[in-house]
Amino acid sequence: MVDTAFGNPHTSNIARLFENNYLVGSAAVFEEIFPLAQQIQETERKLLDGITAAGGSSKTIADMSNSDEHILERQKGSPSTLQFRVS
């Protein structure tokens, strides 16, 4: 991953390059979203670890989520959020 940060001298914005994508925002925005981005990245890592676990202990995404309950609730028209269960 390419991670390049640079400031624009004409604004207070910061731009970050992640592979082929740019994120542009103020320092305050990055301070707010960075912890959430780290949580998402950690959850993705745990999901990948679960899927690729060796020794017959690998799991499916369904095993690591509330997908069955979520689908049932949505079919009933009830609100529901798909959640991942990783620790």
Protein backbone atom coordinates (compact mmCIF):
# COMPACT_ATOMS: atom_id res chain seq x y z
CA MET A 1 0.00 0.00 0.00
CA VAL A 2 1.32 3.39 -0.93
CA ASP A 3 0.65 5.87 1.86
CA THR A 4 1.61 9.40 0.97
CA ALA A 5 0.37 12.44 2.83
CA PHE A 6 0.83 15.97 1.67
CA GLY A 7 -0.71 19.29 2.53
CA ASN A 8 -1.94 21.89 0.12
CA PRO A 9 -0.40 25.26 1.06
CA HIS A 10 -3.54 27.06 -0.19
CA THR A 11 -6.05 25.17 1.98
CA SER A 12 -6.16 23.38 5.28
CA ASN A 13 -6.93 20.09 3.54
CA ILE A 14 -4.80 16.98 3.65
CA ALA A 15 -4.73 14.44 0.83
CA ARG A 16 -3.74 10.82 1.35
CA LEU A 17 -3.01 8.32 -1.41
CA PHE A 18 -3.95 4.71 -0.73
CA GLU A 19 -3.03 2.58 -3.74
CA ASN A 20 -5.09 4.27 -6.50
CA ASN A 21 -7.49 6.20 -4.30
CA TYR A 22 -7.20 9.69 -2.85
CA LEU A 23 -8.87 10.86 0.32
CA VAL A 24 -9.03 14.61 0.80
CA GLY A 25 -10.21 16.33 3.93
CA SER A 26 -9.29 18.51 6.82
CA ALA A 27 -7.08 17.29 9.63
CA ALA A 28 -10.18 17.23 11.85
CA VAL A 29 -11.97 14.89 9.44
CA PHE A 30 -9.01 12.51 9.35
CA GLU A 31 -8.77 12.57 13.15
CA GLU A 32 -12.45 11.62 13.33
CA ILE A 33 -12.47 8.84 10.72
CA PHE A 34 -9.05 7.28 11.36
CA PRO A 35 -10.13 5.20 14.41
CA LEU A 36 -13.12 3.85 12.47
CA ALA A 37 -10.90 2.96 9.52
CA GLN A 38 -8.57 1.11 11.88
CA GLN A 39 -11.52 -0.84 13.34
CA ILE A 40 -12.71 -1.80 9.85
CA GLN A 41 -9.22 -2.91 8.86
CA GLU A 42 -8.88 -5.04 12.01
CA THR A 43 -12.28 -6.67 11.44
CA GLU A 44 -11.35 -7.45 7.83
CA ARG A 45 -8.06 -9.00 9.00
CA LYS A 46 -9.88 -11.20 11.52
CA LEU A 47 -12.41 -12.28 8.89
CA LEU A 48 -9.62 -13.20 6.49
CA ASP A 49 -7.80 -15.08 9.26
CA GLY A 50 -10.99 -17.03 9.98
CA ILE A 51 -11.59 -17.88 6.34
CA THR A 52 -8.02 -19.01 5.74
CA ALA A 53 -7.41 -20.80 9.07
CA ALA A 54 -5.52 -24.05 8.69
CA GLY A 55 -6.18 -27.42 10.24
CA GLY A 56 -9.88 -27.62 9.46
CA SER A 57 -10.73 -24.67 11.67
CA SER A 58 -11.59 -22.29 8.82
CA LYS A 59 -14.97 -20.59 8.94
CA THR A 60 -17.35 -19.05 6.45
CA ILE A 61 -18.52 -15.45 6.48
CA ALA A 62 -21.92 -16.78 7.61
CA ASP A 63 -20.21 -18.48 10.58
CA MET A 64 -18.68 -15.16 11.58
CA SER A 65 -21.78 -13.01 11.17
CA ASN A 66 -25.42 -12.75 12.11
CA SER A 67 -26.36 -13.34 8.47
CA ASP A 68 -29.07 -15.95 9.18
CA GLU A 69 -30.83 -13.77 11.73
CA HIS A 70 -30.31 -10.69 9.57
CA ILE A 71 -31.91 -12.32 6.51
CA LEU A 72 -34.89 -13.54 8.55
CA GLU A 73 -35.47 -10.10 10.02
CA ARG A 74 -35.23 -8.41 6.62
CA GLN A 75 -37.63 -10.95 5.08
CA LYS A 76 -40.15 -10.01 7.80
CA GLY A 77 -39.62 -6.37 6.91
CA SER A 78 -37.95 -5.65 10.24
CA PRO A 79 -34.90 -3.43 10.48
CA SER A 80 -31.65 -5.31 10.91
CA THR A 81 -27.95 -4.70 10.53
CA LEU A 82 -25.50 -7.30 9.28
CA GLN A 83 -22.83 -7.65 11.94
CA PHE A 84 -19.58 -9.56 12.01
CA ARG A 85 -18.72 -11.65 15.07
CA VAL A 86 -14.96 -11.72 15.34
CA SER A 87 -12.77 -11.49 18.38
